[in-house]
Amino acid sequence: MTRKIHCALAVVALLLVSPLWALDDHQEHGHDRHAQHHAGKHGDAGMPELTLDEGQRWATDASLRQGMSDLRTAFETAHSAFERDALDREQAEQLADTIDDRVQFMFANCKLPPDADAELHKLLAAIMGAAVALRESDDVHDGLHRLHQAIDIYPEYFDHPGWGA
């Protein structure tokens, strides 16, 4: 089985066995709770429990750094529109499409060692869940929140030089 197929199957399996995120949880919260919720631990709203590489962040490859940077930029643009009450359903769909595209790019170009790859799959499953929420939830805030959580925990577990800049 090729590595690309293995990566894709692993993420599908993660999505099938992971608990589905409760859409009601975020719909009950106003935007004021958005910032408070981000202060919570990673287990919130279906965020995966990631592990470090013997206490150190996992190494990254160029495709992972590019894909995650692209996702962060897409999130920031969408979040800015959301803050101005200007994020519509079409833009939410476009963000979901961008998520799908960038995740597929990372799968196709993945060069990580198996242990790092397994941890990355957990994070990518959460990111794919954000895309699903952006498409299916009546509240686009839910998908944005999920994507934001994944982007926030990414640098805690993966060494991405320049991420904080």
Protein backbone atom coordinates (compact mmCIF):
# COMPACT_ATOMS: atom_id res chain seq x y z
CA MET A 1 0.00 0.00 0.00
CA THR A 2 1.44 3.39 -0.89
CA ARG A 3 2.20 5.95 1.81
CA LYS A 4 -0.43 8.37 0.43
CA ILE A 5 -3.15 5.76 0.66
CA HIS A 6 -1.95 4.76 4.12
CA CYS A 7 -2.09 8.41 5.28
CA ALA A 8 -5.58 8.91 3.89
CA LEU A 9 -6.88 5.67 5.40
CA ALA A 10 -5.40 6.51 8.78
CA VAL A 11 -7.20 9.84 8.89
CA VAL A 12 -10.48 8.26 7.79
CA ALA A 13 -10.08 5.68 10.55
CA LEU A 14 -9.40 8.41 13.09
CA LEU A 15 -12.51 10.24 12.03
CA LEU A 16 -14.61 7.09 12.33
CA VAL A 17 -13.39 6.12 15.78
CA SER A 18 -13.08 9.62 17.25
CA PRO A 19 -16.11 10.95 19.07
CA LEU A 20 -18.04 13.38 16.92
CA TRP A 21 -17.83 16.93 18.11
CA ALA A 22 -21.04 18.19 19.63
CA LEU A 23 -22.32 21.06 17.53
CA ASP A 24 -24.64 22.16 20.34
CA ASP A 25 -21.70 22.96 22.60
CA HIS A 26 -20.54 25.90 20.51
CA GLN A 27 -23.97 27.05 19.43
CA GLU A 28 -24.90 27.64 23.08
CA HIS A 29 -21.92 29.94 23.54
CA GLY A 30 -21.98 33.53 22.45
CA HIS A 31 -18.95 35.00 20.78
CA ASP A 32 -17.90 36.36 24.20
CA ARG A 33 -17.22 32.77 25.29
CA HIS A 34 -15.02 32.24 22.21
CA ALA A 35 -11.90 33.66 23.84
CA GLN A 36 -12.60 31.91 27.15
CA HIS A 37 -13.02 28.58 25.38
CA HIS A 38 -9.64 28.94 23.69
CA ALA A 39 -8.04 29.17 27.10
CA GLY A 40 -9.22 25.60 27.84
CA LYS A 41 -7.18 22.44 27.48
CA HIS A 42 -6.79 20.50 24.24
CA GLY A 43 -9.46 17.95 25.12
CA ASP A 44 -12.12 20.62 24.53
CA ALA A 45 -14.51 20.19 21.62
CA GLY A 46 -12.89 17.02 20.32
CA MET A 47 -9.33 18.26 20.17
CA PRO A 48 -7.04 15.26 20.09
CA GLU A 49 -4.67 14.40 22.90
CA LEU A 50 -1.29 14.75 21.25
CA THR A 51 2.01 13.55 22.64
CA LEU A 52 5.50 14.93 22.31
CA ASP A 53 8.57 13.15 20.97
CA GLU A 54 10.25 12.20 24.26
CA GLY A 55 9.43 15.63 25.67
CA GLN A 56 10.35 17.50 22.49
CA ARG A 57 8.22 18.86 19.68
CA TRP A 58 8.04 16.71 16.55
CA ALA A 59 10.17 17.68 13.56
CA THR A 60 8.27 19.04 10.57
CA ASP A 61 8.86 18.85 6.85
CA ALA A 62 8.43 21.54 4.21
CA SER A 63 4.98 20.37 3.12
CA LEU A 64 3.65 20.36 6.68
CA ARG A 65 5.04 23.84 7.33
CA GLN A 66 3.56 25.15 4.06
CA GLY A 67 0.18 23.51 4.58
CA MET A 68 -0.18 24.71 8.16
CA SER A 69 0.96 28.22 7.25
CA ASP A 70 -1.64 28.31 4.49
CA LEU A 71 -4.32 27.13 6.93
CA ARG A 72 -3.37 29.78 9.46
CA THR A 73 -3.57 32.50 6.80
CA ALA A 74 -6.96 31.22 5.61
CA PHE A 75 -8.22 31.09 9.19
CA GLU A 76 -7.04 34.63 9.94
CA THR A 77 -8.80 35.99 6.86
CA ALA A 78 -12.05 34.17 7.68
CA HIS A 79 -11.90 35.09 11.36
CA SER A 80 -11.40 38.74 10.49
CA ALA A 81 -14.52 38.60 8.30
CA PHE A 82 -16.41 36.81 11.10
CA GLU A 83 -15.43 39.54 13.57
CA ARG A 84 -16.94 42.13 11.20
CA ASP A 85 -20.10 39.98 10.80
CA ALA A 86 -19.12 39.61 7.15
CA LEU A 87 -18.44 35.87 6.93
CA ASP A 88 -21.21 34.34 4.84
CA ARG A 89 -22.04 30.72 3.99
CA GLU A 90 -20.14 30.91 0.68
CA GLN A 91 -16.97 32.10 2.41
CA ALA A 92 -17.33 29.35 5.02
CA GLU A 93 -17.58 26.81 2.18
CA GLN A 94 -14.47 28.31 0.57
CA LEU A 95 -12.59 27.98 3.85
CA ALA A 96 -13.71 24.34 4.10
CA ASP A 97 -12.47 23.78 0.53
CA THR A 98 -9.13 25.38 1.44
CA ILE A 99 -8.87 23.10 4.47
CA ASP A 100 -9.54 20.04 2.32
CA ASP A 101 -7.03 21.17 -0.29
CA ARG A 102 -4.27 21.91 2.22
CA VAL A 103 -4.83 18.64 4.11
CA GLN A 104 -4.65 16.70 0.85
CA PHE A 105 -1.47 18.60 -0.03
CA MET A 106 0.06 17.58 3.30
CA PHE A 107 -0.98 13.93 2.79
CA ALA A 108 0.41 13.85 -0.73
CA ASN A 109 3.76 15.32 0.26
CA CYS A 110 4.21 13.84 3.73
CA LYS A 111 7.82 12.93 4.54
CA LEU A 112 7.55 12.59 8.32
CA PRO A 113 8.79 9.56 10.25
CA PRO A 114 5.98 7.19 11.30
CA ASP A 115 5.64 8.40 14.93
CA ALA A 116 5.47 12.07 13.93
CA ASP A 117 3.10 11.17 11.12
CA ALA A 118 0.76 9.39 13.57
CA GLU A 119 0.60 12.48 15.80
CA LEU A 120 0.03 14.68 12.77
CA HIS A 121 -2.90 12.48 11.67
CA LYS A 122 -4.63 13.20 14.98
CA LEU A 123 -4.31 16.93 14.38
CA LEU A 124 -5.36 16.68 10.74
CA ALA A 125 -8.44 14.70 11.72
CA ALA A 126 -9.46 17.61 13.97
CA ILE A 127 -8.78 20.05 11.13
CA MET A 128 -10.91 17.96 8.77
CA GLY A 129 -13.62 18.05 11.44
CA ALA A 130 -13.47 21.83 11.26
CA ALA A 131 -14.14 21.64 7.52
CA VAL A 132 -17.15 19.39 8.13
CA ALA A 133 -18.48 21.81 10.75
CA LEU A 134 -18.01 24.76 8.39
CA ARG A 135 -20.12 22.95 5.81
CA GLU A 136 -22.76 21.38 8.03
CA SER A 137 -23.25 23.59 11.08
CA ASP A 138 -25.76 26.41 11.06
CA ASP A 139 -23.17 28.43 12.99
CA VAL A 140 -19.92 29.02 11.08
CA HIS A 141 -18.35 29.99 14.41
CA ASP A 142 -18.24 26.29 15.30
CA GLY A 143 -15.96 25.40 12.38
CA LEU A 144 -13.82 28.49 12.91
CA HIS A 145 -13.43 27.63 16.55
CA ARG A 146 -12.34 24.07 15.77
CA LEU A 147 -9.82 25.26 13.20
CA HIS A 148 -8.50 27.88 15.62
CA GLN A 149 -8.00 25.26 18.34
CA ALA A 150 -6.03 23.02 15.99
CA ILE A 151 -3.88 25.92 14.78
CA ASP A 152 -3.26 26.97 18.38
CA ILE A 153 -2.05 23.55 19.54
CA TYR A 154 0.01 22.81 16.43
CA PRO A 155 3.17 24.72 17.53
CA GLU A 156 3.02 23.13 20.98
CA TYR A 157 3.63 19.71 19.44
CA PHE A 158 5.37 20.41 16.12
CA ASP A 159 8.59 22.37 15.62
CA HIS A 160 7.77 24.94 12.97
CA PRO A 161 10.57 27.52 12.79
CA GLY A 162 9.19 31.02 12.43
CA TRP A 163 5.61 30.05 13.35
CA GLY A 164 5.40 32.66 16.08
CA ALA A 165 6.78 35.44 13.87
